[in-house]
């Protein structure tokens, strides 16, 4: 059972984080970041600031 996962993190984002390995990178970009032109895997977190997302990710 997964415990202490912040509610602001979507299941899709948690899955992506769990599948990451050494050397993998993640970008927390704002609304103007051209994510779709740089990657095939884009996970949106509309309505959340980068600071809120980063804090939630660091709690894992």
PDB file of N, CA and C in Angstrom:
ATOM      1  N   UNK A   1       0.839  -1.182   0.000  1.00  0.00           N
ATOM      2  CA  UNK A   1       0.000   0.000   0.000  1.00  0.00           C
ATOM      3  C   UNK A   1       0.881   1.241   0.000  1.00  0.00           C
ATOM      4  N   UNK A   2       0.525   2.198  -0.803  1.00  0.00           N
ATOM      5  CA  UNK A   2       1.281   3.436  -0.878  1.00  0.00           C
ATOM      6  C   UNK A   2       0.758   4.413   0.165  1.00  0.00           C
ATOM      7  N   UNK A   3       1.675   4.940   0.956  1.00  0.00           N
ATOM      8  CA  UNK A   3       1.283   5.872   2.009  1.00  0.00           C
ATOM      9  C   UNK A   3       2.040   7.177   1.840  1.00  0.00           C
ATOM     10  N   UNK A   4       1.481   8.231   2.376  1.00  0.00           N
ATOM     11  CA  UNK A   4       2.099   9.556   2.406  1.00  0.00           C
ATOM     12  C   UNK A   4       2.371  10.133   1.022  1.00  0.00           C
ATOM     13  N   UNK A   5       1.544   9.815   0.055  1.00  0.00           N
ATOM     14  CA  UNK A   5       1.675  10.423  -1.265  1.00  0.00           C
ATOM     15  C   UNK A   5       0.803  11.676  -1.275  1.00  0.00           C
ATOM     16  N   UNK A   6       1.405  12.842  -1.523  1.00  0.00           N
ATOM     17  CA  UNK A   6       0.623  14.086  -1.529  1.00  0.00           C
ATOM     18  C   UNK A   6      -0.520  14.024  -2.545  1.00  0.00           C
ATOM     19  N   UNK A   7      -1.647  14.562  -2.168  1.00  0.00           N
ATOM     20  CA  UNK A   7      -2.845  14.494  -3.007  1.00  0.00           C
ATOM     21  C   UNK A   7      -2.723  15.332  -4.279  1.00  0.00           C
ATOM     22  N   UNK A   8      -1.789  16.272  -4.321  1.00  0.00           N
ATOM     23  CA  UNK A   8      -1.649  17.107  -5.520  1.00  0.00           C
ATOM     24  C   UNK A   8      -0.964  16.362  -6.659  1.00  0.00           C
ATOM     25  N   UNK A   9      -0.316  15.234  -6.365  1.00  0.00           N
ATOM     26  CA  UNK A   9       0.357  14.457  -7.403  1.00  0.00           C
ATOM     27  C   UNK A   9      -0.637  13.506  -8.048  1.00  0.00           C
ATOM     28  N   UNK A  10      -0.728  13.568  -9.358  1.00  0.00           N
ATOM     29  CA  UNK A  10      -1.643  12.684 -10.080  1.00  0.00           C
ATOM     30  C   UNK A  10      -1.063  11.271 -10.141  1.00  0.00           C
ATOM     31  N   UNK A  11      -1.914  10.268 -10.285  1.00  0.00           N
ATOM     32  CA  UNK A  11      -1.410   8.893 -10.426  1.00  0.00           C
ATOM     33  C   UNK A  11      -0.454   8.745 -11.608  1.00  0.00           C
ATOM     34  N   UNK A  12      -0.720   9.467 -12.685  1.00  0.00           N
ATOM     35  CA  UNK A  12       0.149   9.404 -13.865  1.00  0.00           C
ATOM     36  C   UNK A  12       1.545   9.941 -13.539  1.00  0.00           C
ATOM     37  N   UNK A  13       1.626  11.017 -12.761  1.00  0.00           N
ATOM     38  CA  UNK A  13       2.919  11.584 -12.387  1.00  0.00           C
ATOM     39  C   UNK A  13       3.652  10.666 -11.417  1.00  0.00           C
ATOM     40  N   UNK A  14       2.944  10.104 -10.456  1.00  0.00           N
ATOM     41  CA  UNK A  14       3.571   9.174  -9.507  1.00  0.00           C
ATOM     42  C   UNK A  14       4.125   7.961 -10.250  1.00  0.00           C
ATOM     43  N   UNK A  15       3.378   7.446 -11.209  1.00  0.00           N
ATOM     44  CA  UNK A  15       3.842   6.301 -12.003  1.00  0.00           C
ATOM     45  C   UNK A  15       5.111   6.660 -12.766  1.00  0.00           C
ATOM     46  N   UNK A  16       5.126   7.836 -13.383  1.00  0.00           N
ATOM     47  CA  UNK A  16       6.306   8.269 -14.138  1.00  0.00           C
ATOM     48  C   UNK A  16       7.516   8.411 -13.221  1.00  0.00           C
ATOM     49  N   UNK A  17       7.310   8.950 -12.032  1.00  0.00           N
ATOM     50  CA  UNK A  17       8.411   9.097 -11.083  1.00  0.00           C
ATOM     51  C   UNK A  17       8.938   7.740 -10.631  1.00  0.00           C
ATOM     52  N   UNK A  18       8.038   6.784 -10.426  1.00  0.00           N
ATOM     53  CA  UNK A  18       8.451   5.454  -9.975  1.00  0.00           C
ATOM     54  C   UNK A  18       9.209   4.699 -11.061  1.00  0.00           C
ATOM     55  N   UNK A  19       8.916   4.990 -12.324  1.00  0.00           N
ATOM     56  CA  UNK A  19       9.578   4.300 -13.430  1.00  0.00           C
ATOM     57  C   UNK A  19      10.909   4.936 -13.812  1.00  0.00           C
ATOM     58  N   UNK A  20      11.214   6.093 -13.237  1.00  0.00           N
ATOM     59  CA  UNK A  20      12.455   6.774 -13.594  1.00  0.00           C
ATOM     60  C   UNK A  20      13.657   6.025 -13.037  1.00  0.00           C
ATOM     61  N   UNK A  21      14.737   6.085 -13.780  1.00  0.00           N
ATOM     62  CA  UNK A  21      15.976   5.448 -13.352  1.00  0.00           C
ATOM     63  C   UNK A  21      17.103   6.458 -13.304  1.00  0.00           C
ATOM     64  N   UNK A  22      18.306   5.968 -13.046  1.00  0.00           N
ATOM     65  CA  UNK A  22      19.478   6.839 -13.006  1.00  0.00           C
ATOM     66  C   UNK A  22      19.682   7.474 -14.376  1.00  0.00           C
ATOM     67  N   UNK A  23      19.902   8.757 -14.387  1.00  0.00           N
ATOM     68  CA  UNK A  23      20.126   9.468 -15.641  1.00  0.00           C
ATOM     69  C   UNK A  23      18.865  10.014 -16.279  1.00  0.00           C
ATOM     70  N   UNK A  24      17.694   9.585 -15.821  1.00  0.00           N
ATOM     71  CA  UNK A  24      16.444  10.135 -16.349  1.00  0.00           C
ATOM     72  C   UNK A  24      16.241  11.539 -15.788  1.00  0.00           C
ATOM     73  N   UNK A  25      15.568  12.353 -16.542  1.00  0.00           N
ATOM     74  CA  UNK A  25      15.331  13.739 -16.143  1.00  0.00           C
ATOM     75  C   UNK A  25      13.852  14.065 -16.213  1.00  0.00           C
ATOM     76  N   UNK A  26      13.441  14.999 -15.360  1.00  0.00           N
ATOM     77  CA  UNK A  26      12.065  15.480 -15.380  1.00  0.00           C
ATOM     78  C   UNK A  26      12.114  17.003 -15.421  1.00  0.00           C
ATOM     79  N   UNK A  27      11.170  17.596 -16.117  1.00  0.00           N
ATOM     80  CA  UNK A  27      11.103  19.053 -16.228  1.00  0.00           C
ATOM     81  C   UNK A  27       9.790  19.512 -15.624  1.00  0.00           C
ATOM     82  N   UNK A  28       9.864  20.474 -14.729  1.00  0.00           N
ATOM     83  CA  UNK A  28       8.666  21.127 -14.212  1.00  0.00           C
ATOM     84  C   UNK A  28       8.584  22.470 -14.932  1.00  0.00           C
ATOM     85  N   UNK A  29       7.849  22.495 -16.021  1.00  0.00           N
ATOM     86  CA  UNK A  29       7.765  23.699 -16.847  1.00  0.00           C
ATOM     87  C   UNK A  29       6.460  24.439 -16.618  1.00  0.00           C
ATOM     88  N   UNK A  30       6.485  25.732 -16.908  1.00  0.00           N
ATOM     89  CA  UNK A  30       5.261  26.518 -16.772  1.00  0.00           C
ATOM     90  C   UNK A  30       4.412  26.396 -18.036  1.00  0.00           C
ATOM     91  N   UNK A  31       3.348  27.156 -18.099  1.00  0.00           N
ATOM     92  CA  UNK A  31       2.395  27.042 -19.212  1.00  0.00           C
ATOM     93  C   UNK A  31       3.012  27.406 -20.558  1.00  0.00           C
ATOM     94  N   UNK A  32       4.070  28.185 -20.561  1.00  0.00           N
ATOM     95  CA  UNK A  32       4.701  28.606 -21.812  1.00  0.00           C
ATOM     96  C   UNK A  32       5.839  27.688 -22.248  1.00  0.00           C
ATOM     97  N   UNK A  33       6.128  26.648 -21.488  1.00  0.00           N
ATOM     98  CA  UNK A  33       7.205  25.727 -21.846  1.00  0.00           C
ATOM     99  C   UNK A  33       6.737  24.822 -22.986  1.00  0.00           C
ATOM    100  N   UNK A  34       7.543  24.665 -24.034  1.00  0.00           N
ATOM    101  CA  UNK A  34       7.122  23.863 -25.196  1.00  0.00           C
ATOM    102  C   UNK A  34       7.320  22.362 -24.987  1.00  0.00           C
ATOM    103  N   UNK A  35       6.664  21.804 -23.995  1.00  0.00           N
ATOM    104  CA  UNK A  35       6.849  20.392 -23.653  1.00  0.00           C
ATOM    105  C   UNK A  35       6.474  19.427 -24.757  1.00  0.00           C
ATOM    106  N   UNK A  36       5.396  19.701 -25.462  1.00  0.00           N
ATOM    107  CA  UNK A  36       4.931  18.781 -26.508  1.00  0.00           C
ATOM    108  C   UNK A  36       5.901  18.692 -27.677  1.00  0.00           C
ATOM    109  N   UNK A  37       6.677  19.733 -27.906  1.00  0.00           N
ATOM    110  CA  UNK A  37       7.645  19.683 -29.003  1.00  0.00           C
ATOM    111  C   UNK A  37       8.970  19.072 -28.571  1.00  0.00           C
ATOM    112  N   UNK A  38       9.169  18.877 -27.271  1.00  0.00           N
ATOM    113  CA  UNK A  38      10.428  18.329 -26.770  1.00  0.00           C
ATOM    114  C   UNK A  38      10.315  16.892 -26.287  1.00  0.00           C
ATOM    115  N   UNK A  39       9.114  16.422 -26.010  1.00  0.00           N
ATOM    116  CA  UNK A  39       8.948  15.088 -25.442  1.00  0.00           C
ATOM    117  C   UNK A  39       7.630  14.473 -25.901  1.00  0.00           C
ATOM    118  N   UNK A  40       7.594  13.151 -25.902  1.00  0.00           N
ATOM    119  CA  UNK A  40       6.347  12.455 -26.210  1.00  0.00           C
ATOM    120  C   UNK A  40       5.555  12.165 -24.940  1.00  0.00           C
ATOM    121  N   UNK A  41       6.190  12.313 -23.786  1.00  0.00           N
ATOM    122  CA  UNK A  41       5.536  12.043 -22.509  1.00  0.00           C
ATOM    123  C   UNK A  41       5.362  13.360 -21.760  1.00  0.00           C
ATOM    124  N   UNK A  42       4.183  13.957 -21.858  1.00  0.00           N
ATOM    125  CA  UNK A  42       3.885  15.213 -21.181  1.00  0.00           C
ATOM    126  C   UNK A  42       2.769  14.956 -20.180  1.00  0.00           C
ATOM    127  N   UNK A  43       3.022  15.303 -18.930  1.00  0.00           N
ATOM    128  CA  UNK A  43       2.021  15.151 -17.872  1.00  0.00           C
ATOM    129  C   UNK A  43       1.673  16.552 -17.389  1.00  0.00           C
ATOM    130  N   UNK A  44       0.452  16.947 -17.597  1.00  0.00           N
ATOM    131  CA  UNK A  44       0.019  18.288 -17.217  1.00  0.00           C
ATOM    132  C   UNK A  44      -0.436  18.309 -15.761  1.00  0.00           C
ATOM    133  N   UNK A  45      -0.198  19.442 -15.113  1.00  0.00           N
ATOM    134  CA  UNK A  45      -0.656  19.659 -13.743  1.00  0.00           C
ATOM    135  C   UNK A  45      -1.269  21.053 -13.683  1.00  0.00           C
ATOM    136  N   UNK A  46      -2.325  21.234 -14.443  1.00  0.00           N
ATOM    137  CA  UNK A  46      -2.970  22.546 -14.536  1.00  0.00           C
ATOM    138  C   UNK A  46      -3.451  23.021 -13.169  1.00  0.00           C
ATOM    139  N   UNK A  47      -3.218  24.295 -12.899  1.00  0.00           N
ATOM    140  CA  UNK A  47      -3.677  24.890 -11.651  1.00  0.00           C
ATOM    141  C   UNK A  47      -2.695  24.785 -10.505  1.00  0.00           C
ATOM    142  N   UNK A  48      -1.567  24.101 -10.717  1.00  0.00           N
ATOM    143  CA  UNK A  48      -0.567  23.964  -9.658  1.00  0.00           C
ATOM    144  C   UNK A  48       0.694  24.723 -10.045  1.00  0.00           C
ATOM    145  N   UNK A  49       1.296  25.377  -9.071  1.00  0.00           N
ATOM    146  CA  UNK A  49       2.548  26.078  -9.353  1.00  0.00           C
ATOM    147  C   UNK A  49       3.710  25.091  -9.304  1.00  0.00           C
ATOM    148  N   UNK A  50       4.809  25.488  -9.891  1.00  0.00           N
ATOM    149  CA  UNK A  50       6.003  24.647  -9.871  1.00  0.00           C
ATOM    150  C   UNK A  50       6.493  24.398  -8.458  1.00  0.00           C
ATOM    151  N   UNK A  51       6.366  25.403  -7.593  1.00  0.00           N
ATOM    152  CA  UNK A  51       6.814  25.259  -6.208  1.00  0.00           C
ATOM    153  C   UNK A  51       5.984  24.214  -5.461  1.00  0.00           C
ATOM    154  N   UNK A  52       4.682  24.214  -5.687  1.00  0.00           N
ATOM    155  CA  UNK A  52       3.803  23.233  -5.036  1.00  0.00           C
ATOM    156  C   UNK A  52       4.130  21.825  -5.524  1.00  0.00           C
ATOM    157  N   UNK A  53       4.325  21.682  -6.832  1.00  0.00           N
ATOM    158  CA  UNK A  53       4.675  20.372  -7.394  1.00  0.00           C
ATOM    159  C   UNK A  53       6.014  19.878  -6.865  1.00  0.00           C
ATOM    160  N   UNK A  54       7.011  20.758  -6.859  1.00  0.00           N
ATOM    161  CA  UNK A  54       8.339  20.369  -6.387  1.00  0.00           C
ATOM    162  C   UNK A  54       8.297  19.945  -4.926  1.00  0.00           C
ATOM    163  N   UNK A  55       7.588  20.692  -4.101  1.00  0.00           N
ATOM    164  CA  UNK A  55       7.475  20.339  -2.683  1.00  0.00           C
ATOM    165  C   UNK A  55       6.829  18.966  -2.522  1.00  0.00           C
ATOM    166  N   UNK A  56       5.784  18.694  -3.288  1.00  0.00           N
ATOM    167  CA  UNK A  56       5.097  17.405  -3.200  1.00  0.00           C
ATOM    168  C   UNK A  56       6.002  16.268  -3.663  1.00  0.00           C
ATOM    169  N   UNK A  57       6.768  16.493  -4.732  1.00  0.00           N
ATOM    170  CA  UNK A  57       7.671  15.457  -5.234  1.00  0.00           C
ATOM    171  C   UNK A  57       8.769  15.168  -4.221  1.00  0.00           C
ATOM    172  N   UNK A  58       9.294  16.209  -3.589  1.00  0.00           N
ATOM    173  CA  UNK A  58      10.373  16.018  -2.616  1.00  0.00           C
ATOM    174  C   UNK A  58       9.896  15.325  -1.346  1.00  0.00           C
ATOM    175  N   UNK A  59       8.593  15.299  -1.095  1.00  0.00           N
ATOM    176  CA  UNK A  59       8.052  14.602   0.072  1.00  0.00           C
ATOM    177  C   UNK A  59       8.024  13.091  -0.118  1.00  0.00           C
ATOM    178  N   UNK A  60       8.184  12.619  -1.357  1.00  0.00           N
ATOM    179  CA  UNK A  60       8.141  11.175  -1.618  1.00  0.00           C
ATOM    180  C   UNK A  60       9.380  10.489  -1.094  1.00  0.00           C
TER     181      UNK A  60
END
